Amino acid sequence: MIGERPVRSLYRMNRKLSLAEAPVLDRTGSLRKLGKYGWRVFAFSLLATFCWAQDSGSAPQAAPNDAVLSAVHDLQEQVRQLREAVVEIRSEAAQYRAETVALRQELQQTRAELMAADGAAPEAAKLANPPQGAAPVSATPSTEDRITRLEEDTQLLSAKVDEQYQTKVESASKFRVRLSGIVLMNLFSNRGIFDSQDFPSLVAAPYSGNPHGSFGATLRQSEIGLEVFGPRLAGASTRGDVHLDFAGGFPSIPNGVTSGISRLRTATIHLDWQKTSIVAGQDEAFFTPLSPTSFASIAVPAFNYAGNLWEWVPQVRLEHRFALTANSDLLLQGGILDNLTGDLPVSQWGNIPQAGERTGQPAYATRIAWSHQLFGQPMTVGAGGYYSRQDWWFDRYLDGWAGTADWDIPLSSRFTVSGEFYRGKALGTLGGGIGRSVILTGPIINPSVQIRGLNSLGGWSQLKFRPTGKLEFNAAFGLDNPLAENIRALSKGQSNSGLASNLKQNRSSFGNVIYRPHQNLLFSAQYNHLRTSPLDLVSRTGEQVNLMMGILF
């Protein structure tokens, strides 16, 4: 029980909030109802009324109830948050209305000037050529385009005002949250034997009884993403995002291949100033930022194990941008990364250190990139470096490293060429060396086992053609080539990643067409050709035809 006077005061406060504040919110048109706090206010009002009625027959000296007092504080905090949310929505709605009114006034003024010009043109024509007469002069294309743009902007702003009344993704905080993703279906037909039939990276060895072909479908490359926009901190805007897909394996149930397990792709936190950014979390390897354009393989980027270095790796990096001229700038990036080496997990539950992590230091990476506007598009050329100190037990140390180059160059307004190249050693964590960092003559726990870091080089390039804004064609080729002398030295051994130790080369190529009839709807068709070459054996080839349909949200 609580005292009579505090209960009556609380009851009056709740009644004022529910009876007086609600009409004000409705008159503004910014918030139609109290949302998720309304039922709590109503419920607590009933609780307060009940406590008051019960207390009227009890002794005035009854001690306060700690639970109810705590609930009072919680209610006050919730009311405060509600009022802040109302103020924010009112401010946004007022801003959108003001912009809409300004655009409408500008549109009316432009129309009036156009009508005046149209009326004056016939009179001037009659004075110059009375016998022939003249038709009214039509608006110039620039004026028509301006009116069209104004109308589109007005419709956009009106839609944004209407959005304020729609249900949004709610979060525990008052900050804005955005949901995104893609529902993607792949229909595929294969000729050959692959490591994974839906998005292949390698051609596997044939075995007795295999049909050498397959047909199937999957939706496990669908993605879900959440992005939250936080407060400003020391002059920086803050935001965070997380992205998941369903390519984390399969449950051990009948037809489990249709029930892909959810998997973390990336999760990052950004602090963005005007020219500087700090990024922390699990993200793409920033020193190899590009990948070929393909919706046939997004669970892993296209050309995995075929010259495209990539990984979603925990990292902290710093970025700074320099404006060189009005049309060009320079980007500097540097950071530390989790020192992974591409090993298979030792335990399903425990996180056992990999060879790089056992050194007690992170991996290091840096990149510099120059951008310039060309044919109305950004042209970017970059170069990067990577270093990883590795301890393969019993003081068997290796230095993993990579030098990288990347380019994205418009050849015209419709053609673009892009790609990457690398040269390095012990890069299995990034897919280099066909996914292998080292080759061993036996189990790594044996101190007498020989170990050799795998040197490799590779890369990929893509040509893109966009005849229209909704249609594009892509053709690409990728190659990963470990040095044969490293393979030959320990060809009978084993690799740290479980992949065959005798693979000396892996090639992949594709051609695709992507059609987007709407900004959130896509259709695509792609042909893949893969070629995997073991040492001193006949190369294995495979082909895939992939049809895709996706909707983005």
Protein backbone atom coordinates (compact mmCIF):
# COMPACT_ATOMS: atom_id res chain seq x y z
CA MET A 1 0.00 0.00 0.00
CA ILE A 2 1.00 3.64 -0.50
CA GLY A 3 -0.30 6.81 1.14
CA GLU A 4 -3.53 8.47 0.05
CA ARG A 5 -2.01 11.80 -1.02
CA PRO A 6 0.69 10.38 -3.34
CA VAL A 7 -1.83 8.04 -4.93
CA ARG A 8 -4.30 10.85 -5.60
CA SER A 9 -1.55 13.00 -7.09
CA LEU A 10 -0.43 10.15 -9.31
CA TYR A 11 -4.00 9.44 -10.35
CA ARG A 12 -4.52 13.09 -11.29
CA MET A 13 -1.27 13.09 -13.27
CA ASN A 14 -2.24 9.99 -15.24
CA ARG A 15 -5.74 11.31 -15.90
CA LYS A 16 -4.35 14.62 -17.18
CA LEU A 17 -1.95 12.80 -19.44
CA SER A 18 -4.62 10.55 -20.92
CA LEU A 19 -7.41 13.20 -21.21
CA ALA A 20 -5.51 16.39 -21.96
CA GLU A 21 -2.38 15.37 -23.82
CA ALA A 22 -3.99 12.93 -26.26
CA PRO A 23 -6.16 15.60 -28.01
CA VAL A 24 -3.10 17.82 -28.40
CA LEU A 25 -1.25 15.03 -30.15
CA ASP A 26 -4.24 14.40 -32.38
CA ARG A 27 -4.58 18.09 -33.33
CA THR A 28 -0.97 18.18 -34.53
CA GLY A 29 -1.57 15.27 -36.81
CA SER A 30 1.88 13.93 -35.89
CA LEU A 31 0.88 11.11 -33.58
CA ARG A 32 -2.57 9.55 -33.66
CA LYS A 33 -2.24 7.63 -30.41
CA LEU A 34 0.16 7.04 -27.57
CA GLY A 35 1.59 3.91 -29.21
CA LYS A 36 3.31 1.35 -27.08
CA TYR A 37 3.17 3.54 -23.89
CA GLY A 38 -0.60 4.13 -23.95
CA TRP A 39 -1.63 0.78 -22.51
CA ARG A 40 0.97 1.12 -19.78
CA VAL A 41 -0.38 4.53 -18.73
CA PHE A 42 -3.95 3.17 -18.74
CA ALA A 43 -2.99 0.05 -16.80
CA PHE A 44 -1.12 2.03 -14.20
CA SER A 45 -4.07 4.40 -13.79
CA LEU A 46 -6.25 1.44 -12.92
CA LEU A 47 -3.60 0.21 -10.50
CA ALA A 48 -3.40 3.60 -8.81
CA THR A 49 -7.19 3.81 -8.48
CA PHE A 50 -7.30 0.33 -6.98
CA CYS A 51 -4.55 1.15 -4.48
CA TRP A 52 -6.37 4.37 -3.46
CA ALA A 53 -9.61 2.49 -2.87
CA GLN A 54 -7.83 -0.16 -0.82
CA ASP A 55 -5.93 2.42 1.19
CA SER A 56 -9.03 4.40 2.21
CA GLY A 57 -9.92 1.68 4.73
CA SER A 58 -6.41 1.08 6.07
CA ALA A 59 -4.28 2.85 8.62
CA PRO A 60 -2.72 6.15 7.45
CA GLN A 61 0.66 5.11 8.74
CA ALA A 62 1.00 2.15 6.30
CA ALA A 63 4.53 1.80 4.93
CA PRO A 64 5.15 2.50 1.20
CA ASN A 65 5.37 -0.44 -1.11
CA ASP A 66 8.81 -0.56 -2.77
CA ALA A 67 7.51 -2.34 -5.86
CA VAL A 68 4.87 0.32 -6.52
CA LEU A 69 7.37 3.14 -5.97
CA SER A 70 9.68 1.47 -8.50
CA ALA A 71 6.78 1.24 -10.92
CA VAL A 72 6.12 4.97 -10.44
CA HIS A 73 9.70 5.75 -11.41
CA ASP A 74 9.45 3.46 -14.45
CA LEU A 75 6.21 5.17 -15.51
CA GLN A 76 7.78 8.61 -15.20
CA GLU A 77 10.69 7.52 -17.35
CA GLN A 78 8.36 6.06 -19.97
CA VAL A 79 6.29 9.26 -20.05
CA ARG A 80 9.50 11.26 -20.52
CA GLN A 81 10.57 9.06 -23.44
CA LEU A 82 7.11 9.32 -24.96
CA ARG A 83 7.19 13.09 -24.82
CA GLU A 84 10.62 13.16 -26.46
CA ALA A 85 9.36 10.90 -29.25
CA VAL A 86 6.33 13.16 -29.76
CA VAL A 87 8.54 16.24 -29.98
CA GLU A 88 10.80 14.55 -32.53
CA ILE A 89 7.88 13.44 -34.73
CA ARG A 90 6.29 16.91 -34.54
CA SER A 91 9.57 18.47 -35.61
CA GLU A 92 10.02 16.12 -38.56
CA ALA A 93 6.41 16.56 -39.70
CA ALA A 94 6.70 20.35 -39.50
CA GLN A 95 9.91 20.26 -41.52
CA TYR A 96 8.36 18.10 -44.26
CA ARG A 97 5.26 20.33 -44.41
CA ALA A 98 7.38 23.45 -44.72
CA GLU A 99 9.39 21.91 -47.55
CA THR A 100 6.21 20.79 -49.29
CA VAL A 101 4.66 24.28 -49.07
CA ALA A 102 7.85 25.87 -50.42
CA LEU A 103 7.97 23.47 -53.36
CA ARG A 104 4.30 24.04 -54.16
CA GLN A 105 4.82 27.81 -54.13
CA GLU A 106 7.82 27.47 -56.43
CA LEU A 107 5.81 25.19 -58.73
CA GLN A 108 2.91 27.67 -58.89
CA GLN A 109 5.31 30.53 -59.62
CA THR A 110 7.00 28.56 -62.40
CA ARG A 111 3.64 27.69 -63.95
CA ALA A 112 2.55 31.32 -63.80
CA GLU A 113 5.74 32.45 -65.56
CA LEU A 114 5.27 29.75 -68.17
CA MET A 115 1.67 30.77 -68.83
CA ALA A 116 2.73 34.40 -69.14
CA ALA A 117 5.43 33.43 -71.62
CA ASP A 118 2.99 31.31 -73.60
CA GLY A 119 0.50 34.21 -73.76
CA ALA A 120 3.09 36.77 -74.86
CA ALA A 121 4.58 34.62 -77.62
CA PRO A 122 1.52 34.65 -79.95
CA GLU A 123 1.19 38.42 -79.67
CA ALA A 124 4.83 38.91 -80.60
CA ALA A 125 4.45 36.52 -83.53
CA LYS A 126 1.40 38.39 -84.82
CA LEU A 127 3.24 41.72 -84.74
CA ALA A 128 6.19 40.27 -86.64
CA ASN A 129 4.14 38.33 -89.25
CA PRO A 130 0.53 39.51 -89.33
CA PRO A 131 -0.56 37.57 -92.42
CA GLN A 132 0.62 34.18 -91.39
CA GLY A 133 -0.21 34.30 -87.68
CA ALA A 134 1.64 32.11 -85.21
CA ALA A 135 0.96 29.32 -82.80
CA PRO A 136 1.69 29.79 -79.11
CA VAL A 137 5.27 29.10 -78.23
CA SER A 138 5.61 25.96 -76.14
CA ALA A 139 7.70 25.71 -73.01
CA THR A 140 11.39 25.02 -73.43
CA PRO A 141 12.57 21.53 -72.49
CA SER A 142 14.48 22.87 -69.52
CA THR A 143 11.36 24.45 -68.08
CA GLU A 144 9.33 21.29 -68.61
CA ASP A 145 12.03 19.23 -66.93
CA ARG A 146 12.07 21.64 -64.03
CA ILE A 147 8.31 21.35 -63.56
CA THR A 148 8.51 17.57 -63.73
CA ARG A 149 11.25 17.49 -61.11
CA LEU A 150 9.31 19.83 -58.85
CA GLU A 151 6.22 17.65 -59.11
CA GLU A 152 8.25 14.54 -58.31
CA ASP A 153 9.88 16.24 -55.33
CA THR A 154 6.48 17.38 -54.08
CA GLN A 155 5.11 13.85 -54.32
CA LEU A 156 8.19 12.50 -52.53
CA LEU A 157 7.89 14.97 -49.67
CA SER A 158 4.16 14.31 -49.36
CA ALA A 159 4.89 10.59 -49.18
CA LYS A 160 7.46 11.21 -46.46
CA VAL A 161 4.90 13.17 -44.46
CA ASP A 162 2.46 10.30 -44.84
CA GLU A 163 5.14 7.92 -43.62
CA GLN A 164 5.04 9.61 -40.23
CA TYR A 165 1.64 8.00 -39.64
CA GLN A 166 2.74 4.52 -40.65
CA THR A 167 3.90 1.82 -38.27
CA LYS A 168 7.70 1.74 -38.03
CA VAL A 169 10.20 -0.82 -36.79
CA GLU A 170 10.29 -0.27 -33.04
CA SER A 171 13.38 -0.40 -30.87
CA ALA A 172 13.95 -0.16 -27.13
CA SER A 173 15.56 3.24 -27.70
CA LYS A 174 14.04 6.25 -29.41
CA PHE A 175 16.51 6.08 -32.30
CA ARG A 176 15.50 5.19 -35.83
CA VAL A 177 15.86 1.59 -37.02
CA ARG A 178 15.73 0.47 -40.65
CA LEU A 179 15.01 -3.07 -41.85
CA SER A 180 16.46 -4.23 -45.17
CA GLY A 181 17.30 -7.42 -47.02
CA ILE A 182 16.49 -9.59 -50.00
CA VAL A 183 14.35 -12.64 -50.60
CA LEU A 184 16.29 -14.50 -53.29
CA MET A 185 15.42 -17.74 -55.05
CA ASN A 186 17.97 -19.63 -57.16
CA LEU A 187 17.04 -22.35 -59.66
CA PHE A 188 20.16 -24.16 -60.90
CA SER A 189 21.16 -26.96 -63.24
CA ASN A 190 24.68 -28.41 -62.94
CA ARG A 191 26.90 -30.48 -65.15
CA GLY A 192 29.80 -31.84 -63.13
CA ILE A 193 30.54 -32.45 -59.44
CA PHE A 194 30.98 -29.42 -57.17
CA ASP A 195 31.89 -28.71 -53.56
CA SER A 196 28.43 -27.10 -53.21
CA GLN A 197 25.75 -27.56 -55.83
CA ASP A 198 23.93 -24.25 -55.27
CA PHE A 199 26.92 -21.85 -55.27
CA PRO A 200 30.00 -23.86 -56.35
CA SER A 201 33.61 -22.75 -55.85
CA LEU A 202 35.55 -25.91 -56.80
CA VAL A 203 35.07 -28.87 -59.11
CA ALA A 204 35.30 -32.07 -57.06
CA ALA A 205 36.81 -35.38 -58.08
CA PRO A 206 34.43 -37.84 -59.75
CA TYR A 207 33.48 -41.00 -57.92
CA SER A 208 31.70 -44.21 -58.78
CA GLY A 209 27.94 -43.96 -59.16
CA ASN A 210 27.77 -40.17 -59.38
CA PRO A 211 25.36 -38.93 -62.08
CA HIS A 212 27.71 -36.04 -63.05
CA GLY A 213 24.86 -33.55 -62.90
CA SER A 214 22.06 -32.19 -60.73
CA PHE A 215 19.11 -29.83 -60.60
CA GLY A 216 17.85 -27.97 -57.55
CA ALA A 217 16.61 -24.77 -55.95
CA THR A 218 17.45 -22.81 -52.82
CA LEU A 219 16.48 -19.69 -50.88
CA ARG A 220 19.27 -19.87 -48.31
CA GLN A 221 21.08 -16.93 -49.92
CA SER A 222 18.28 -14.62 -48.77
CA GLU A 223 19.48 -11.90 -46.39
CA ILE A 224 18.12 -9.82 -43.53
CA GLY A 225 19.70 -6.60 -42.29
CA LEU A 226 19.03 -4.10 -39.52
CA GLU A 227 20.52 -0.62 -39.31
CA VAL A 228 20.20 1.70 -36.32
CA PHE A 229 21.01 5.41 -36.32
CA GLY A 230 22.31 6.63 -32.99
CA PRO A 231 23.09 10.00 -31.37
CA ARG A 232 25.92 12.35 -32.21
CA LEU A 233 29.10 11.84 -30.23
CA ALA A 234 31.97 14.34 -30.19
CA GLY A 235 30.70 15.75 -33.48
CA ALA A 236 30.35 12.35 -35.16
CA SER A 237 27.16 10.68 -36.30
CA THR A 238 26.83 7.12 -35.02
CA ARG A 239 25.18 4.12 -36.61
CA GLY A 240 25.34 0.36 -36.50
CA ASP A 241 24.20 -2.51 -38.69
CA VAL A 242 23.95 -6.29 -38.68
CA HIS A 243 23.36 -8.65 -41.63
CA LEU A 244 22.38 -12.31 -41.57
CA ASP A 245 21.74 -15.01 -44.14
CA PHE A 246 20.72 -18.67 -44.02
CA ALA A 247 23.88 -20.30 -45.39
CA GLY A 248 25.26 -21.45 -42.04
CA GLY A 249 24.69 -25.15 -42.69
CA PHE A 250 21.74 -27.51 -42.44
CA PRO A 251 19.87 -29.07 -39.51
CA SER A 252 20.02 -32.86 -39.16
CA ILE A 253 16.39 -33.45 -40.15
CA PRO A 254 14.72 -34.90 -43.25
CA ASN A 255 15.06 -32.43 -46.14
CA GLY A 256 17.21 -30.24 -43.90
CA VAL A 257 18.74 -28.60 -46.99
CA THR A 258 15.57 -26.48 -47.27
CA SER A 259 16.00 -25.17 -43.70
CA GLY A 260 19.26 -23.28 -43.86
CA ILE A 261 20.72 -22.26 -40.51
CA SER A 262 20.98 -18.52 -39.85
CA ARG A 263 24.53 -17.14 -39.99
CA LEU A 264 26.18 -13.84 -39.06
CA ARG A 265 27.69 -12.08 -42.07
CA THR A 266 28.62 -8.61 -40.88
CA ALA A 267 27.98 -6.47 -37.80
CA THR A 268 29.59 -3.03 -37.56
CA ILE A 269 29.55 0.21 -35.58
CA HIS A 270 30.40 3.47 -37.37
CA LEU A 271 31.50 6.86 -36.06
CA ASP A 272 31.46 9.26 -39.01
CA TRP A 273 32.86 12.76 -39.04
CA GLN A 274 32.95 14.94 -42.14
CA LYS A 275 36.24 13.49 -43.46
CA THR A 276 37.13 10.78 -40.94
CA SER A 277 35.46 7.52 -39.91
CA ILE A 278 36.11 4.85 -37.31
CA VAL A 279 34.61 1.42 -38.04
CA ALA A 280 34.59 -1.44 -35.51
CA GLY A 281 33.00 -4.85 -35.90
CA GLN A 282 32.89 -7.76 -38.32
CA ASP A 283 33.14 -6.46 -41.86
CA GLU A 284 34.63 -7.18 -45.28
CA ALA A 285 38.41 -7.13 -45.62
CA PHE A 286 38.71 -3.43 -46.42
CA PHE A 287 41.99 -3.77 -48.33
CA THR A 288 40.24 -5.94 -50.98
CA PRO A 289 36.89 -4.10 -51.26
CA LEU A 290 35.51 -5.30 -54.62
CA SER A 291 33.70 -8.42 -55.82
CA PRO A 292 32.17 -9.41 -59.18
CA THR A 293 28.48 -8.64 -59.75
CA SER A 294 26.49 -11.85 -59.37
CA PHE A 295 23.27 -12.88 -57.63
CA ALA A 296 24.13 -16.53 -58.25
CA SER A 297 26.64 -16.42 -55.39
CA ILE A 298 26.09 -13.96 -52.57
CA ALA A 299 26.38 -16.37 -49.63
CA VAL A 300 30.05 -16.28 -50.60
CA PRO A 301 31.25 -13.70 -53.15
CA ALA A 302 31.75 -14.85 -56.71
CA PHE A 303 35.20 -16.26 -57.55
CA ASN A 304 35.73 -17.59 -54.05
CA TYR A 305 38.96 -19.67 -54.32
CA ALA A 306 39.44 -18.19 -57.80
CA GLY A 307 41.40 -14.98 -57.22
CA ASN A 308 38.88 -12.97 -55.18
CA LEU A 309 40.34 -12.35 -51.72
CA TRP A 310 37.57 -11.78 -49.19
CA GLU A 311 36.50 -12.51 -45.63
CA TRP A 312 34.07 -11.17 -43.05
CA VAL A 313 36.53 -10.64 -40.23
CA PRO A 314 36.40 -8.75 -36.88
CA GLN A 315 38.39 -5.53 -37.21
CA VAL A 316 38.90 -1.93 -36.13
CA ARG A 317 39.90 0.54 -38.82
CA LEU A 318 40.39 4.27 -39.35
CA GLU A 319 39.53 6.04 -42.59
CA HIS A 320 40.34 9.58 -43.70
CA ARG A 321 39.34 11.32 -46.91
CA PHE A 322 41.25 14.15 -48.61
CA ALA A 323 39.64 16.38 -51.24
CA LEU A 324 42.31 16.90 -53.89
CA THR A 325 40.22 18.79 -56.43
CA ALA A 326 36.54 19.41 -57.07
CA ASN A 327 36.30 16.04 -58.88
CA SER A 328 38.87 13.85 -57.14
CA ASP A 329 39.75 12.72 -53.65
CA LEU A 330 42.13 10.41 -51.79
CA LEU A 331 41.14 7.78 -49.21
CA LEU A 332 43.54 6.41 -46.58
CA GLN A 333 42.57 3.33 -44.56
CA GLY A 334 44.41 1.44 -41.87
CA GLY A 335 43.45 -1.01 -39.16
CA ILE A 336 43.93 -4.21 -37.22
CA LEU A 337 42.08 -7.47 -37.85
CA ASP A 338 41.49 -10.72 -36.03
CA ASN A 339 44.54 -12.78 -37.03
CA LEU A 340 42.74 -15.75 -38.60
CA THR A 341 44.39 -18.39 -40.79
CA GLY A 342 41.44 -20.30 -42.26
CA ASP A 343 41.57 -23.29 -39.90
CA LEU A 344 38.57 -25.53 -39.31
CA PRO A 345 37.07 -25.07 -35.81
CA VAL A 346 38.47 -27.54 -33.27
CA SER A 347 35.31 -27.41 -31.16
CA GLN A 348 31.68 -26.58 -31.91
CA TRP A 349 31.36 -24.66 -28.65
CA GLY A 350 34.80 -23.44 -27.59
CA ASN A 351 36.78 -20.79 -29.47
CA ILE A 352 40.26 -22.30 -29.73
CA PRO A 353 43.03 -19.88 -30.93
CA GLN A 354 44.14 -20.28 -34.53
CA ALA A 355 47.77 -20.05 -35.62
CA GLY A 356 47.64 -16.29 -36.07
CA GLU A 357 45.86 -15.65 -32.79
CA ARG A 358 48.44 -17.75 -30.90
CA THR A 359 51.09 -15.11 -31.63
CA GLY A 360 49.31 -12.66 -29.33
CA GLN A 361 49.06 -9.94 -31.96
CA PRO A 362 46.51 -8.93 -34.60
CA ALA A 363 46.88 -8.86 -38.35
CA TYR A 364 47.59 -5.47 -39.91
CA ALA A 365 46.26 -3.96 -43.12
CA THR A 366 46.26 -0.67 -44.99
CA ARG A 367 44.89 0.71 -48.25
CA ILE A 368 45.14 3.90 -50.29
CA ALA A 369 42.65 4.74 -53.04
CA TRP A 370 42.30 7.59 -55.51
CA SER A 371 38.88 8.50 -56.95
CA HIS A 372 37.97 10.79 -59.81
CA GLN A 373 34.76 11.56 -61.70
CA LEU A 374 34.83 10.15 -65.22
CA PHE A 375 31.84 10.04 -67.59
CA GLY A 376 29.65 11.08 -64.66
CA GLN A 377 30.74 8.06 -62.59
CA PRO A 378 33.43 7.55 -59.94
CA MET A 379 36.68 6.01 -61.16
CA THR A 380 38.66 4.37 -58.34
CA VAL A 381 42.16 2.88 -58.27
CA GLY A 382 43.52 1.45 -55.02
CA ALA A 383 46.45 -0.49 -53.54
CA GLY A 384 46.65 -2.33 -50.23
CA GLY A 385 48.85 -4.42 -47.99
CA TYR A 386 48.31 -7.12 -45.35
CA TYR A 387 50.57 -8.78 -42.75
CA SER A 388 49.89 -11.74 -40.44
CA ARG A 389 52.36 -13.31 -38.01
CA GLN A 390 51.50 -17.01 -37.48
CA ASP A 391 52.54 -19.66 -34.92
CA TRP A 392 51.95 -23.23 -36.14
CA TRP A 393 52.84 -24.85 -32.82
CA PHE A 394 56.27 -25.78 -31.47
CA ASP A 395 57.76 -22.41 -32.46
CA ARG A 396 57.07 -22.97 -36.16
CA TYR A 397 56.54 -19.34 -37.16
CA LEU A 398 55.47 -18.05 -40.55
CA ASP A 399 54.79 -14.59 -41.96
CA GLY A 400 51.62 -14.30 -44.00
CA TRP A 401 51.40 -11.28 -46.27
CA ALA A 402 49.65 -9.86 -49.33
CA GLY A 403 50.03 -6.99 -51.74
CA THR A 404 46.79 -6.03 -53.50
CA ALA A 405 45.54 -3.77 -56.28
CA ASP A 406 41.94 -2.92 -57.19
CA TRP A 407 40.31 -0.85 -59.90
CA ASP A 408 36.85 0.29 -60.98
CA ILE A 409 37.15 2.32 -64.19
CA PRO A 410 34.32 3.63 -66.41
CA LEU A 411 35.24 3.24 -70.09
CA SER A 412 32.21 5.25 -71.19
CA SER A 413 28.82 6.15 -69.80
CA ARG A 414 27.71 2.51 -70.32
CA PHE A 415 30.85 0.37 -69.99
CA THR A 416 32.86 -0.24 -66.81
CA VAL A 417 35.81 -2.51 -66.09
CA SER A 418 36.67 -3.57 -62.53
CA GLY A 419 38.85 -6.14 -60.82
CA GLU A 420 41.54 -7.04 -58.30
CA PHE A 421 45.00 -8.63 -58.26
CA TYR A 422 47.03 -10.06 -55.39
CA ARG A 423 50.37 -11.70 -54.61
CA GLY A 424 51.04 -13.19 -51.19
CA LYS A 425 51.72 -16.06 -48.83
CA ALA A 426 49.70 -18.03 -46.24
CA LEU A 427 46.40 -16.36 -47.21
CA GLY A 428 43.96 -19.23 -46.66
CA THR A 429 41.80 -17.09 -44.39
CA LEU A 430 41.09 -14.80 -47.38
CA GLY A 431 40.59 -17.64 -49.87
CA GLY A 432 44.08 -17.21 -51.36
CA GLY A 433 46.07 -20.29 -52.31
CA ILE A 434 42.72 -22.00 -53.06
CA GLY A 435 41.73 -21.62 -49.41
CA ARG A 436 44.97 -22.97 -47.88
CA SER A 437 47.53 -21.14 -45.73
CA VAL A 438 50.01 -24.00 -45.21
CA ILE A 439 50.68 -27.56 -46.31
CA LEU A 440 51.90 -30.12 -43.76
CA THR A 441 53.33 -33.61 -43.98
CA GLY A 442 51.19 -34.83 -41.10
CA PRO A 443 49.15 -33.80 -38.03
CA ILE A 444 50.08 -30.37 -36.76
CA ILE A 445 50.40 -31.59 -33.15
CA ASN A 446 53.45 -33.64 -34.16
CA PRO A 447 56.61 -31.52 -33.66
CA SER A 448 58.52 -33.41 -36.36
CA VAL A 449 55.97 -32.59 -39.07
CA GLN A 450 57.24 -30.36 -41.88
CA ILE A 451 55.24 -27.24 -42.68
CA ARG A 452 55.39 -24.88 -45.64
CA GLY A 453 53.58 -21.59 -46.19
CA LEU A 454 51.79 -21.54 -49.53
CA ASN A 455 52.81 -18.78 -51.95
CA SER A 456 50.15 -17.81 -54.46
CA LEU A 457 48.96 -15.15 -56.84
CA GLY A 458 45.67 -14.48 -58.54
CA GLY A 459 42.96 -12.02 -59.39
CA TRP A 460 39.83 -11.35 -61.38
CA SER A 461 38.38 -8.80 -63.78
CA GLN A 462 34.88 -7.92 -64.95
CA LEU A 463 33.37 -5.99 -67.84
CA LYS A 464 29.96 -4.39 -67.20
CA PHE A 465 27.59 -3.04 -69.87
CA ARG A 466 24.50 -1.01 -68.94
CA PRO A 467 22.38 -0.18 -71.99
CA THR A 468 19.61 1.22 -69.74
CA GLY A 469 19.16 2.00 -66.08
CA LYS A 470 17.20 -1.23 -65.58
CA LEU A 471 19.33 -3.67 -67.56
CA GLU A 472 22.97 -4.73 -67.26
CA PHE A 473 25.25 -7.44 -68.66
CA ASN A 474 28.38 -8.73 -66.89
CA ALA A 475 31.24 -10.97 -68.04
CA ALA A 476 34.04 -11.93 -65.65
CA PHE A 477 37.03 -14.25 -65.23
CA GLY A 478 39.00 -15.23 -62.10
CA LEU A 479 42.12 -17.29 -61.37
CA ASP A 480 43.95 -18.47 -58.25
CA ASN A 481 47.39 -20.00 -58.80
CA PRO A 482 49.50 -21.37 -55.91
CA LEU A 483 53.14 -21.77 -56.88
CA ALA A 484 53.74 -25.27 -58.22
CA GLU A 485 57.03 -25.71 -56.36
CA ASN A 486 55.23 -25.34 -53.00
CA ILE A 487 52.59 -27.88 -54.04
CA ARG A 488 55.12 -30.35 -55.41
CA ALA A 489 57.29 -30.25 -52.28
CA LEU A 490 54.48 -31.57 -50.06
CA SER A 491 51.92 -32.89 -52.54
CA LYS A 492 51.22 -35.98 -50.41
CA GLY A 493 50.53 -33.94 -47.31
CA GLN A 494 47.47 -32.15 -45.98
CA SER A 495 46.32 -28.56 -45.67
CA ASN A 496 45.24 -26.60 -42.61
CA SER A 497 41.75 -25.98 -44.06
CA GLY A 498 40.92 -29.56 -44.99
CA LEU A 499 41.04 -28.88 -48.75
CA ALA A 500 43.16 -31.18 -50.92
CA SER A 501 46.86 -30.32 -50.78
CA ASN A 502 47.56 -31.11 -54.47
CA LEU A 503 45.34 -28.41 -56.05
CA LYS A 504 47.58 -26.22 -58.20
CA GLN A 505 45.07 -23.94 -59.98
CA ASN A 506 41.41 -22.94 -59.91
CA ARG A 507 39.68 -20.95 -62.65
CA SER A 508 36.16 -19.59 -62.87
CA SER A 509 34.25 -17.49 -65.39
CA PHE A 510 30.66 -16.36 -65.84
CA GLY A 511 28.34 -14.27 -67.94
CA ASN A 512 25.06 -12.91 -66.64
CA VAL A 513 22.21 -10.55 -67.32
CA ILE A 514 20.39 -8.64 -64.55
CA TYR A 515 17.04 -6.95 -65.16
CA ARG A 516 15.42 -4.64 -62.60
CA PRO A 517 11.89 -3.66 -63.71
CA HIS A 518 11.53 -1.88 -60.38
CA GLN A 519 14.06 -0.64 -57.85
CA ASN A 520 13.22 -3.48 -55.44
CA LEU A 521 12.59 -6.30 -57.93
CA LEU A 522 15.17 -8.19 -59.97
CA PHE A 523 15.47 -11.09 -62.42
CA SER A 524 18.77 -12.60 -63.48
CA ALA A 525 20.24 -15.47 -65.49
CA GLN A 526 23.84 -16.64 -65.31
CA TYR A 527 26.14 -19.21 -66.88
CA ASN A 528 29.19 -20.39 -64.86
CA HIS A 529 32.18 -22.41 -66.01
CA LEU A 530 34.69 -23.77 -63.46
CA ARG A 531 38.01 -25.57 -63.94
CA THR A 532 40.01 -27.05 -61.06
CA SER A 533 43.47 -28.54 -61.74
CA PRO A 534 45.24 -30.96 -59.39
CA LEU A 535 49.00 -31.41 -59.70
CA ASP A 536 49.99 -33.92 -62.43
CA LEU A 537 46.35 -34.92 -63.01
CA VAL A 538 43.72 -34.10 -65.62
CA SER A 539 41.81 -30.90 -64.93
CA ARG A 540 38.22 -31.22 -63.79
CA THR A 541 35.53 -28.98 -65.31
CA GLY A 542 31.95 -28.13 -64.43
CA GLU A 543 29.13 -25.90 -65.65
CA GLN A 544 26.11 -24.30 -64.04
CA VAL A 545 23.06 -22.45 -65.35
CA ASN A 546 21.41 -20.35 -62.65
CA LEU A 547 18.08 -18.50 -62.81
CA MET A 548 17.31 -15.98 -60.08
CA MET A 549 14.39 -13.92 -58.87
CA GLY A 550 14.62 -11.58 -55.92
CA ILE A 551 12.74 -8.85 -54.12
CA LEU A 552 14.54 -6.32 -51.97
CA PHE A 553 13.05 -4.66 -48.91
